[in-house]
Amino acid sequence: VSGEMEELLEGLCRMGALGISDFLDRRFEGVLQTQDHRFEATSRGGIVMSTMPISDVLTRRPFQAFLLISSVILLLAGVRGSVLYAETARGAAFGPFEHYRVETLLTRNGTTGGAIPSPGLSEFG
């Protein structure tokens, strides 16, 4: 074993004896499992640089309040729109189960009636 490796192993053994050898591993596991809530004391701009920005921002109370208020507003707008439609509409704008056909009567080159070719299955290859 080289001298550098021996020095590294000696440092790791000392850290293990003091019980601090795995503090980075435990911190990283806490961050991955969203159990590390130290980010709550950081600025809002720090959320962008975190490992899980969506999870982090969803734990902030101001953002939770914003989501709640905006969802209630959107829900009320949808209900209001459907109630307004039910009050003002007199049935469907177009009757149910009706089919409409668009038929060309005159083309730009002057062709009319049955002489106008229509696309068929053979037109698509």
C-alpha atoms as a PDB file:
ATOM      1  CA  VAL A   1       0.000   0.000   0.000  1.00  0.00           C
ATOM      2  CA  SER A   2       1.379   3.386  -0.971  1.00  0.00           C
ATOM      3  CA  GLY A   3       1.956   6.178   1.516  1.00  0.00           C
ATOM      4  CA  GLU A   4      -0.941   8.268   0.149  1.00  0.00           C
ATOM      5  CA  MET A   5      -3.333   5.323   0.348  1.00  0.00           C
ATOM      6  CA  GLU A   6      -2.193   4.575   3.887  1.00  0.00           C
ATOM      7  CA  GLU A   7      -2.817   8.193   4.885  1.00  0.00           C
ATOM      8  CA  LEU A   8      -6.283   8.107   3.316  1.00  0.00           C
ATOM      9  CA  LEU A   9      -7.210   4.860   5.050  1.00  0.00           C
ATOM     10  CA  GLU A  10      -5.940   6.205   8.375  1.00  0.00           C
ATOM     11  CA  GLY A  11      -8.163   9.293   7.977  1.00  0.00           C
ATOM     12  CA  LEU A  12     -11.186   7.152   7.112  1.00  0.00           C
ATOM     13  CA  CYS A  13     -10.552   4.934  10.143  1.00  0.00           C
ATOM     14  CA  ARG A  14     -10.382   7.970  12.424  1.00  0.00           C
ATOM     15  CA  MET A  15     -13.610   9.336  10.979  1.00  0.00           C
ATOM     16  CA  GLY A  16     -15.234   5.916  11.409  1.00  0.00           C
ATOM     17  CA  ALA A  17     -14.109   5.762  15.035  1.00  0.00           C
ATOM     18  CA  LEU A  18     -15.631   9.189  15.678  1.00  0.00           C
ATOM     19  CA  GLY A  19     -18.878   8.183  13.929  1.00  0.00           C
ATOM     20  CA  ILE A  20     -18.671  10.844  11.250  1.00  0.00           C
ATOM     21  CA  SER A  21     -17.596   8.744   8.279  1.00  0.00           C
ATOM     22  CA  ASP A  22     -21.021   8.478   6.683  1.00  0.00           C
ATOM     23  CA  PHE A  23     -22.468  11.934   7.337  1.00  0.00           C
ATOM     24  CA  LEU A  24     -22.329  12.854   3.636  1.00  0.00           C
ATOM     25  CA  ASP A  25     -24.018   9.591   2.672  1.00  0.00           C
ATOM     26  CA  ARG A  26     -26.786  10.150   5.220  1.00  0.00           C
ATOM     27  CA  ARG A  27     -27.271  13.754   4.052  1.00  0.00           C
ATOM     28  CA  PHE A  28     -27.456  12.700   0.409  1.00  0.00           C
ATOM     29  CA  GLU A  29     -29.966   9.943   1.237  1.00  0.00           C
ATOM     30  CA  GLY A  30     -32.078  12.484   3.121  1.00  0.00           C
ATOM     31  CA  VAL A  31     -32.051  14.812   0.128  1.00  0.00           C
ATOM     32  CA  LEU A  32     -33.014  11.988  -2.234  1.00  0.00           C
ATOM     33  CA  GLN A  33     -35.888  10.929   0.010  1.00  0.00           C
ATOM     34  CA  THR A  34     -37.000  14.565   0.594  1.00  0.00           C
ATOM     35  CA  GLN A  35     -36.370  14.233   4.317  1.00  0.00           C
ATOM     36  CA  ASP A  36     -33.765  16.979   4.421  1.00  0.00           C
ATOM     37  CA  HIS A  37     -35.721  20.168   5.105  1.00  0.00           C
ATOM     38  CA  ARG A  38     -32.768  22.518   5.498  1.00  0.00           C
ATOM     39  CA  PHE A  39     -33.681  24.080   2.149  1.00  0.00           C
ATOM     40  CA  GLU A  40     -36.642  25.790   3.857  1.00  0.00           C
ATOM     41  CA  ALA A  41     -34.228  28.304   5.337  1.00  0.00           C
ATOM     42  CA  THR A  42     -32.703  29.124   1.937  1.00  0.00           C
ATOM     43  CA  SER A  43     -33.780  31.796  -0.492  1.00  0.00           C
ATOM     44  CA  ARG A  44     -36.434  31.142  -3.126  1.00  0.00           C
ATOM     45  CA  GLY A  45     -33.797  31.372  -5.839  1.00  0.00           C
ATOM     46  CA  GLY A  46     -31.998  28.404  -4.322  1.00  0.00           C
ATOM     47  CA  ILE A  47     -34.905  26.139  -5.261  1.00  0.00           C
ATOM     48  CA  VAL A  48     -33.855  26.314  -8.900  1.00  0.00           C
ATOM     49  CA  MET A  49     -30.428  24.892  -8.075  1.00  0.00           C
ATOM     50  CA  SER A  50     -31.728  22.028  -5.919  1.00  0.00           C
ATOM     51  CA  THR A  51     -31.794  18.380  -6.971  1.00  0.00           C
ATOM     52  CA  MET A  52     -35.617  18.209  -6.939  1.00  0.00           C
ATOM     53  CA  PRO A  53     -37.010  21.708  -7.562  1.00  0.00           C
ATOM     54  CA  ILE A  54     -40.658  20.655  -7.993  1.00  0.00           C
ATOM     55  CA  SER A  55     -40.732  18.669  -4.741  1.00  0.00           C
ATOM     56  CA  ASP A  56     -38.945  21.480  -2.942  1.00  0.00           C
ATOM     57  CA  VAL A  57     -41.289  24.219  -4.116  1.00  0.00           C
ATOM     58  CA  LEU A  58     -44.358  22.122  -3.281  1.00  0.00           C
ATOM     59  CA  THR A  59     -43.332  22.055   0.385  1.00  0.00           C
ATOM     60  CA  ARG A  60     -43.297  25.865   0.670  1.00  0.00           C
ATOM     61  CA  ARG A  61     -46.412  27.325   2.307  1.00  0.00           C
ATOM     62  CA  PRO A  62     -46.681  30.404   0.039  1.00  0.00           C
ATOM     63  CA  PHE A  63     -46.609  28.227  -3.078  1.00  0.00           C
ATOM     64  CA  GLN A  64     -49.147  25.827  -1.580  1.00  0.00           C
ATOM     65  CA  ALA A  65     -51.442  28.787  -0.873  1.00  0.00           C
ATOM     66  CA  PHE A  66     -50.963  30.059  -4.437  1.00  0.00           C
ATOM     67  CA  LEU A  67     -51.849  26.632  -5.862  1.00  0.00           C
ATOM     68  CA  LEU A  68     -54.918  26.357  -3.644  1.00  0.00           C
ATOM     69  CA  ILE A  69     -56.208  29.817  -4.536  1.00  0.00           C
ATOM     70  CA  SER A  70     -55.582  29.418  -8.259  1.00  0.00           C
ATOM     71  CA  SER A  71     -57.233  25.982  -8.354  1.00  0.00           C
ATOM     72  CA  VAL A  72     -60.312  27.317  -6.542  1.00  0.00           C
ATOM     73  CA  ILE A  73     -60.527  30.250  -8.990  1.00  0.00           C
ATOM     74  CA  LEU A  74     -60.246  27.928 -11.998  1.00  0.00           C
ATOM     75  CA  LEU A  75     -62.821  25.548 -10.543  1.00  0.00           C
ATOM     76  CA  LEU A  76     -65.281  28.389  -9.940  1.00  0.00           C
ATOM     77  CA  ALA A  77     -64.687  29.759 -13.456  1.00  0.00           C
ATOM     78  CA  GLY A  78     -65.462  26.353 -14.969  1.00  0.00           C
ATOM     79  CA  VAL A  79     -68.615  25.915 -12.893  1.00  0.00           C
ATOM     80  CA  ARG A  80     -69.721  29.457 -13.723  1.00  0.00           C
ATOM     81  CA  GLY A  81     -69.189  28.845 -17.444  1.00  0.00           C
ATOM     82  CA  SER A  82     -71.186  25.623 -17.456  1.00  0.00           C
ATOM     83  CA  VAL A  83     -74.029  27.221 -15.465  1.00  0.00           C
ATOM     84  CA  LEU A  84     -74.076  30.203 -17.837  1.00  0.00           C
ATOM     85  CA  TYR A  85     -74.179  27.890 -20.859  1.00  0.00           C
ATOM     86  CA  ALA A  86     -77.006  25.846 -19.329  1.00  0.00           C
ATOM     87  CA  GLU A  87     -79.027  29.029 -18.673  1.00  0.00           C
ATOM     88  CA  THR A  88     -78.520  30.710 -22.052  1.00  0.00           C
ATOM     89  CA  ALA A  89     -78.262  27.849 -24.555  1.00  0.00           C
ATOM     90  CA  ARG A  90     -81.437  26.503 -26.076  1.00  0.00           C
ATOM     91  CA  GLY A  91     -80.267  23.057 -27.034  1.00  0.00           C
ATOM     92  CA  ALA A  92     -77.281  22.168 -29.139  1.00  0.00           C
ATOM     93  CA  ALA A  93     -76.097  24.580 -31.832  1.00  0.00           C
ATOM     94  CA  PHE A  94     -76.205  21.699 -34.306  1.00  0.00           C
ATOM     95  CA  GLY A  95     -78.620  18.843 -33.827  1.00  0.00           C
ATOM     96  CA  PRO A  96     -77.218  15.593 -32.539  1.00  0.00           C
ATOM     97  CA  PHE A  97     -76.168  12.849 -34.943  1.00  0.00           C
ATOM     98  CA  GLU A  98     -76.456  14.974 -38.062  1.00  0.00           C
ATOM     99  CA  HIS A  99     -73.940  14.769 -40.841  1.00  0.00           C
ATOM    100  CA  TYR A 100     -72.920  17.563 -43.128  1.00  0.00           C
ATOM    101  CA  ARG A 101     -71.377  17.213 -46.548  1.00  0.00           C
ATOM    102  CA  VAL A 102     -69.331  19.847 -48.282  1.00  0.00           C
ATOM    103  CA  GLU A 103     -69.676  19.682 -52.020  1.00  0.00           C
ATOM    104  CA  THR A 104     -67.657  21.673 -54.536  1.00  0.00           C
ATOM    105  CA  LEU A 105     -69.869  23.378 -57.123  1.00  0.00           C
ATOM    106  CA  LEU A 106     -67.275  25.348 -59.059  1.00  0.00           C
ATOM    107  CA  THR A 107     -63.490  25.191 -59.114  1.00  0.00           C
ATOM    108  CA  ARG A 108     -60.976  27.887 -59.991  1.00  0.00           C
ATOM    109  CA  ASN A 109     -60.402  26.456 -63.447  1.00  0.00           C
ATOM    110  CA  GLY A 110     -64.105  26.596 -64.259  1.00  0.00           C
ATOM    111  CA  THR A 111     -64.971  22.904 -63.856  1.00  0.00           C
ATOM    112  CA  THR A 112     -68.515  22.327 -62.563  1.00  0.00           C
ATOM    113  CA  GLY A 113     -70.751  19.513 -61.370  1.00  0.00           C
ATOM    114  CA  GLY A 114     -69.847  15.883 -61.989  1.00  0.00           C
ATOM    115  CA  ALA A 115     -66.681  16.768 -63.914  1.00  0.00           C
ATOM    116  CA  ILE A 116     -64.951  17.736 -60.662  1.00  0.00           C
ATOM    117  CA  PRO A 117     -62.718  14.851 -59.559  1.00  0.00           C
ATOM    118  CA  SER A 118     -62.937  13.853 -55.922  1.00  0.00           C
ATOM    119  CA  PRO A 119     -60.232  12.081 -53.930  1.00  0.00           C
ATOM    120  CA  GLY A 120     -60.649   8.355 -53.541  1.00  0.00           C
ATOM    121  CA  LEU A 121     -58.584   5.543 -52.078  1.00  0.00           C
ATOM    122  CA  SER A 122     -56.513   5.348 -55.254  1.00  0.00           C
ATOM    123  CA  GLU A 123     -55.372   8.961 -54.700  1.00  0.00           C
ATOM    124  CA  PHE A 124     -53.528   8.004 -51.515  1.00  0.00           C
ATOM    125  CA  GLY A 125     -51.275   5.452 -53.206  1.00  0.00           C
END
